[in-house]
Amino acid sequence: MIRTLARVTCTLACLCATAVGADTLVIPPSFENVCATGTRAFQPFPFATTPSFNYPYRYQQVYDANAFPAVGPGESILISEIRFRIDEYSGGLEQITYSDITVNFSTTSRAVGALATGSTQDLDSNLGPDQMTAFSGGFLWDACGTPDTCVAHICGPDFSPMPFDQAIPLSQSFSYDPTQGNLLLEVYALDPTPPNQLFDAADVPFPITTRARETLDPANPTIHYWPTAANDVGLITQFVYTVPEADALLGPAAAMLALGAVRRARR
C-alpha cells in the first residue's frame, strides 16, 4: 500500500507540474525582426517623455486579439511579462530609473483603431470589466544590458533591431482570453522627473495596435488635463506568456481525490 501511495503521489506530482513553457509574441508581428521606419516609428510614451513635455500622463494601447494564439474553450493566455526595445536611430543608451509606474490590463470591447478619446470619461469607457493592476512601483532599465547594444546601432539591410531588453516582469500575471475581446494596456507614468527616452513604435496602414493618452496635473495626478486623439501607432511590444494545460489546472483537485481513495483503501 505504501508503494501504491508513492506511485500515485509521484504520478500526480508530475501531472501537476505539466504546463506549456513560456513563449513570446511580438505585436505587430511583422516588426519582430524588422526595424520600424517612418515619421512616427518612435515615441517616448508611456515610459518616458521628451525635453519639451514634462508632465505625468495616462496612456492606453490596444492590441488586436487576432494577433494572439488561439485558445480552446475555458483556456486563456497567462501574460507574465511585457518587453520593449529602444529606438535604433534616436533612442538613448543611458540607464534609466523609474520611480512610479502603474501597469493595468483589461479585456476591452473597443476595436483597434477605435479607442474613445476626448475626455477622461471617454478613456474610462475603453476599460474592460476585468481590469487589474499587474505592476505598480519602480524599476531600472539599462539599454546597455548586453555588450552589443552599448555601441552606435544603425538599422539597415545587414543590421537587426535593438533587442527587447526593456522588460517589466509583472507582479501579477494577467489571464487573457482573446475570444472575449482585444487586450488593453493602461499605464500611469507619475514620475515627478520623468526620464527622456525614445522607444521603437509602429505606424502601420492597417492598425493592429493603437494608442490614446491624456496629460495629468504634475502637482496632483488625480486631476486630468487634455487627452490627445487616438492614432494608428503604438509601441512594438513583446509579450511573455504561457497557456496552462488543462491537466495542470486539474492536477491539484485530482491529487486530492486520488489520495483520498488511497486512504480509504488502506482502512
Protein backbone atom coordinates (compact mmCIF):
# COMPACT_ATOMS: atom_id res chain seq x y z
CA MET A 1 0.00 0.00 0.00
CA ILE A 2 2.88 2.37 0.76
CA ARG A 3 4.31 1.66 -2.69
CA THR A 4 0.89 2.36 -4.22
CA LEU A 5 0.68 5.67 -2.38
CA ALA A 6 4.19 6.58 -3.54
CA ARG A 7 3.36 5.75 -7.15
CA VAL A 8 0.14 7.79 -7.02
CA THR A 9 1.90 10.73 -5.37
CA CYS A 10 4.71 10.70 -7.94
CA THR A 11 2.30 10.45 -10.86
CA LEU A 12 0.19 13.32 -9.57
CA ALA A 13 3.22 15.47 -8.85
CA CYS A 14 4.33 15.05 -12.45
CA LEU A 15 0.80 15.77 -13.65
CA CYS A 16 0.56 18.97 -11.61
CA ALA A 17 3.89 20.16 -12.97
CA THR A 18 2.86 19.66 -16.60
CA ALA A 19 2.46 23.03 -18.32
CA VAL A 20 3.42 24.63 -21.57
CA GLY A 21 6.73 26.52 -21.24
CA ALA A 22 6.77 30.28 -21.50
CA ASP A 23 6.68 31.64 -25.03
CA THR A 24 6.98 35.11 -26.57
CA LEU A 25 4.87 37.04 -29.03
CA VAL A 26 5.60 40.38 -30.74
CA ILE A 27 2.84 42.80 -31.77
CA PRO A 28 2.81 43.91 -34.53
CA PRO A 29 4.33 40.54 -35.55
CA SER A 30 5.74 41.93 -38.81
CA PHE A 31 8.21 44.04 -36.78
CA GLU A 32 9.63 41.25 -34.64
CA ASN A 33 12.92 41.19 -36.57
CA VAL A 34 12.48 44.34 -38.64
CA CYS A 35 13.33 47.92 -37.76
CA ALA A 36 10.39 50.31 -37.79
CA THR A 37 10.81 53.33 -40.03
CA GLY A 38 8.78 56.45 -40.73
CA THR A 39 7.92 59.74 -39.07
CA ARG A 40 6.14 58.01 -36.17
CA ALA A 41 8.39 54.97 -35.80
CA PHE A 42 9.46 56.06 -32.32
CA GLN A 43 7.76 57.53 -29.27
CA PRO A 44 8.60 58.24 -25.63
CA PHE A 45 5.22 57.20 -24.23
CA PRO A 46 4.25 55.52 -21.97
CA PHE A 47 7.50 55.17 -20.04
CA ALA A 48 9.35 58.40 -20.77
CA THR A 49 8.97 61.91 -22.15
CA THR A 50 10.76 64.38 -24.35
CA PRO A 51 12.53 67.53 -23.07
CA SER A 52 9.58 69.65 -24.22
CA PHE A 53 6.97 67.52 -22.42
CA ASN A 54 7.46 67.25 -18.67
CA TYR A 55 4.07 66.03 -17.46
CA PRO A 56 2.79 62.83 -15.90
CA TYR A 57 0.24 61.08 -18.06
CA ARG A 58 -2.15 58.21 -18.55
CA TYR A 59 -1.58 56.01 -21.60
CA GLN A 60 -3.68 53.32 -23.25
CA GLN A 61 -2.69 50.93 -26.03
CA VAL A 62 -4.98 48.29 -27.51
CA TYR A 63 -3.75 45.08 -29.18
CA ASP A 64 -5.77 43.09 -31.71
CA ALA A 65 -7.00 39.79 -30.23
CA ASN A 66 -6.35 38.06 -33.56
CA ALA A 67 -2.61 38.59 -33.09
CA PHE A 68 -2.60 36.25 -30.08
CA PRO A 69 -2.57 32.45 -30.31
CA ALA A 70 -5.92 30.71 -30.42
CA VAL A 71 -7.11 29.12 -27.19
CA GLY A 72 -9.69 26.43 -26.57
CA PRO A 73 -12.89 26.71 -24.52
CA GLY A 74 -12.13 27.65 -20.95
CA GLU A 75 -8.46 28.36 -21.72
CA SER A 76 -6.63 31.67 -21.50
CA ILE A 77 -3.21 33.19 -22.10
CA LEU A 78 -1.32 33.99 -18.90
CA ILE A 79 0.76 37.15 -19.55
CA SER A 80 3.66 37.37 -17.09
CA GLU A 81 5.96 39.98 -18.65
CA ILE A 82 5.98 42.75 -21.26
CA ARG A 83 9.10 43.91 -23.09
CA PHE A 84 10.03 46.85 -25.29
CA ARG A 85 13.06 47.97 -27.25
CA ILE A 86 14.92 51.26 -27.64
CA ASP A 87 14.54 53.02 -30.99
CA GLU A 88 17.54 52.03 -33.08
CA TYR A 89 18.03 55.50 -34.57
CA SER A 90 17.32 58.02 -31.82
CA GLY A 91 16.99 56.10 -28.56
CA GLY A 92 19.48 56.73 -25.77
CA LEU A 93 21.77 54.10 -24.25
CA GLU A 94 21.86 55.56 -20.75
CA GLN A 95 20.50 53.80 -17.69
CA ILE A 96 17.03 54.95 -16.60
CA THR A 97 15.38 54.65 -13.20
CA TYR A 98 11.60 54.80 -12.87
CA SER A 99 10.02 55.52 -9.51
CA ASP A 100 6.26 55.48 -10.08
CA ILE A 101 4.77 53.37 -12.88
CA THR A 102 1.41 51.57 -12.75
CA VAL A 103 0.55 48.95 -15.38
CA ASN A 104 -3.06 47.80 -15.79
CA PHE A 105 -4.55 45.21 -18.13
CA SER A 106 -8.11 44.52 -19.19
CA THR A 107 -10.11 42.93 -21.98
CA THR A 108 -11.83 45.66 -23.98
CA SER A 109 -14.72 45.63 -26.40
CA ARG A 110 -13.15 48.55 -28.28
CA ALA A 111 -11.92 47.77 -31.76
CA VAL A 112 -8.32 48.51 -32.68
CA GLY A 113 -8.31 51.98 -34.16
CA ALA A 114 -11.48 52.93 -32.29
CA LEU A 115 -10.31 53.85 -28.79
CA ALA A 116 -12.53 56.54 -27.30
CA THR A 117 -10.80 59.82 -26.52
CA GLY A 118 -11.78 63.42 -25.92
CA SER A 119 -12.29 63.31 -22.15
CA THR A 120 -11.27 61.32 -19.10
CA GLN A 121 -14.67 59.64 -19.16
CA ASP A 122 -14.04 58.55 -22.74
CA LEU A 123 -10.76 56.91 -21.77
CA ASP A 124 -12.54 55.27 -18.83
CA SER A 125 -15.02 53.75 -21.27
CA ASN A 126 -12.19 51.88 -23.01
CA LEU A 127 -11.54 49.77 -19.91
CA GLY A 128 -12.86 46.24 -19.63
CA PRO A 129 -14.71 44.80 -16.63
CA ASP A 130 -11.76 42.52 -15.77
CA GLN A 131 -9.24 45.35 -15.34
CA MET A 132 -6.46 44.55 -12.89
CA THR A 133 -3.20 46.14 -11.77
CA ALA A 134 -0.33 43.94 -12.90
CA PHE A 135 2.53 46.15 -11.70
CA SER A 136 2.93 49.22 -9.53
CA GLY A 137 6.19 50.73 -8.34
CA GLY A 138 9.65 51.45 -9.67
CA PHE A 139 12.28 49.65 -11.72
CA LEU A 140 15.51 50.23 -13.62
CA TRP A 141 16.12 49.82 -17.33
CA ASP A 142 19.60 49.60 -18.76
CA ALA A 143 19.87 49.85 -22.55
CA CYS A 144 23.45 48.55 -22.25
CA GLY A 145 22.36 45.34 -20.61
CA THR A 146 24.16 43.36 -23.30
CA PRO A 147 27.52 44.39 -24.82
CA ASP A 148 26.34 44.65 -28.42
CA THR A 149 23.78 47.35 -27.53
CA CYS A 150 26.39 49.67 -25.98
CA VAL A 151 27.63 50.86 -29.37
CA ALA A 152 26.11 53.02 -32.07
CA HIS A 153 23.39 50.95 -33.68
CA ILE A 154 22.20 51.69 -37.19
CA CYS A 155 19.43 49.64 -38.71
CA GLY A 156 19.74 48.57 -42.31
CA PRO A 157 19.68 45.51 -44.57
CA ASP A 158 22.53 43.87 -42.64
CA PHE A 159 21.51 45.00 -39.15
CA SER A 160 18.92 43.69 -36.74
CA PRO A 161 16.74 45.85 -34.48
CA MET A 162 17.64 46.53 -30.87
CA PRO A 163 16.76 43.64 -28.52
CA PHE A 164 13.60 43.58 -26.41
CA ASP A 165 15.61 44.15 -23.23
CA GLN A 166 13.40 46.81 -21.59
CA ALA A 167 11.23 44.45 -19.56
CA ILE A 168 8.60 44.67 -16.84
CA PRO A 169 8.12 41.34 -15.02
CA LEU A 170 4.56 41.67 -13.80
CA SER A 171 3.84 41.37 -10.09
CA GLN A 172 0.61 39.62 -11.02
CA SER A 173 0.08 37.79 -14.30
CA PHE A 174 -2.95 38.71 -16.38
CA SER A 175 -5.22 35.93 -17.62
CA TYR A 176 -6.35 36.94 -21.11
CA ASP A 177 -8.91 35.16 -23.28
CA PRO A 178 -8.66 36.55 -26.85
CA THR A 179 -12.16 35.26 -27.67
CA GLN A 180 -13.61 37.84 -25.25
CA GLY A 181 -12.16 40.99 -26.84
CA ASN A 182 -8.97 42.92 -27.54
CA LEU A 183 -6.22 43.44 -24.96
CA LEU A 184 -5.92 46.89 -23.38
CA LEU A 185 -2.71 48.03 -21.73
CA GLU A 186 -3.03 51.08 -19.49
CA VAL A 187 -0.03 52.83 -17.95
CA TYR A 188 0.08 55.65 -15.42
CA ALA A 189 3.53 57.31 -15.59
CA LEU A 190 3.71 59.50 -12.48
CA ASP A 191 7.44 60.08 -12.04
CA PRO A 192 8.00 63.63 -10.73
CA THR A 193 11.01 63.97 -13.03
CA PRO A 194 10.24 61.64 -15.95
CA PRO A 195 13.23 60.38 -17.95
CA ASN A 196 13.83 61.10 -21.62
CA GLN A 197 13.89 58.12 -23.97
CA LEU A 198 12.54 57.01 -27.36
CA PHE A 199 11.17 53.51 -27.95
CA ASP A 200 10.55 51.60 -31.16
CA ALA A 201 6.99 52.16 -32.35
CA ALA A 202 4.93 51.00 -35.33
CA ASP A 203 2.75 53.07 -37.62
CA VAL A 204 1.05 50.58 -39.95
CA PRO A 205 -1.60 51.12 -42.66
CA PHE A 206 -3.96 48.51 -41.20
CA PRO A 207 -3.70 49.00 -37.45
CA ILE A 208 -3.09 46.05 -35.22
CA THR A 209 -2.30 48.27 -32.25
CA THR A 210 -3.27 51.88 -31.49
CA ARG A 211 -2.91 54.29 -28.59
CA ALA A 212 -4.54 57.12 -26.68
CA ARG A 213 -3.28 59.20 -23.77
CA GLU A 214 -4.06 62.17 -21.57
CA THR A 215 -1.95 64.60 -19.58
CA LEU A 216 -2.18 64.80 -15.80
CA ASP A 217 -1.56 67.67 -13.38
CA PRO A 218 2.07 67.46 -12.14
CA ALA A 219 1.05 68.71 -8.69
CA ASN A 220 -1.96 66.40 -8.41
CA PRO A 221 -2.13 63.45 -10.84
CA THR A 222 -5.75 62.81 -9.92
CA ILE A 223 -6.56 65.95 -11.92
CA HIS A 224 -6.75 65.12 -15.61
CA TYR A 225 -5.93 67.62 -18.35
CA TRP A 226 -6.33 67.30 -22.09
CA PRO A 227 -6.47 63.91 -23.84
CA THR A 228 -4.86 63.51 -27.24
CA ALA A 229 -6.54 61.95 -30.23
CA ALA A 230 -6.06 58.21 -30.66
CA ASN A 231 -3.94 57.31 -33.66
CA ASP A 232 -2.76 54.24 -35.50
CA VAL A 233 0.60 53.91 -33.78
CA GLY A 234 1.88 52.14 -30.69
CA LEU A 235 4.96 50.67 -29.07
CA ILE A 236 6.23 47.44 -30.59
CA THR A 237 5.63 45.06 -27.71
CA GLN A 238 6.88 41.62 -26.82
CA PHE A 239 4.67 39.55 -24.51
CA VAL A 240 5.93 36.67 -22.37
CA TYR A 241 3.09 34.22 -21.80
CA THR A 242 2.05 30.66 -21.08
CA VAL A 243 -1.08 28.69 -21.92
CA PRO A 244 -1.60 26.36 -18.94
CA GLU A 245 -2.67 22.85 -19.94
CA ALA A 246 -5.99 21.55 -18.68
CA ASP A 247 -4.23 18.65 -16.93
CA ALA A 248 -2.07 21.06 -14.99
CA LEU A 249 -5.09 23.06 -13.89
CA LEU A 250 -6.96 19.94 -12.77
CA GLY A 251 -3.92 18.43 -11.10
CA PRO A 252 -4.45 19.68 -7.51
CA ALA A 253 -8.08 18.54 -7.43
CA ALA A 254 -7.20 15.18 -8.97
CA ALA A 255 -4.43 14.74 -6.40
CA MET A 256 -6.82 15.23 -3.50
CA LEU A 257 -9.29 12.71 -4.92
CA ALA A 258 -6.62 10.10 -5.59
CA LEU A 259 -5.02 10.46 -2.17
CA GLY A 260 -8.43 10.16 -0.58
CA ALA A 261 -9.03 6.94 -2.50
CA VAL A 262 -5.72 5.52 -1.30
CA ARG A 263 -6.51 6.35 2.31
CA ARG A 264 -9.91 4.67 2.02
CA ALA A 265 -8.29 1.56 0.54
CA ARG A 266 -5.93 1.30 3.50
CA ARG A 267 -8.78 1.14 6.01
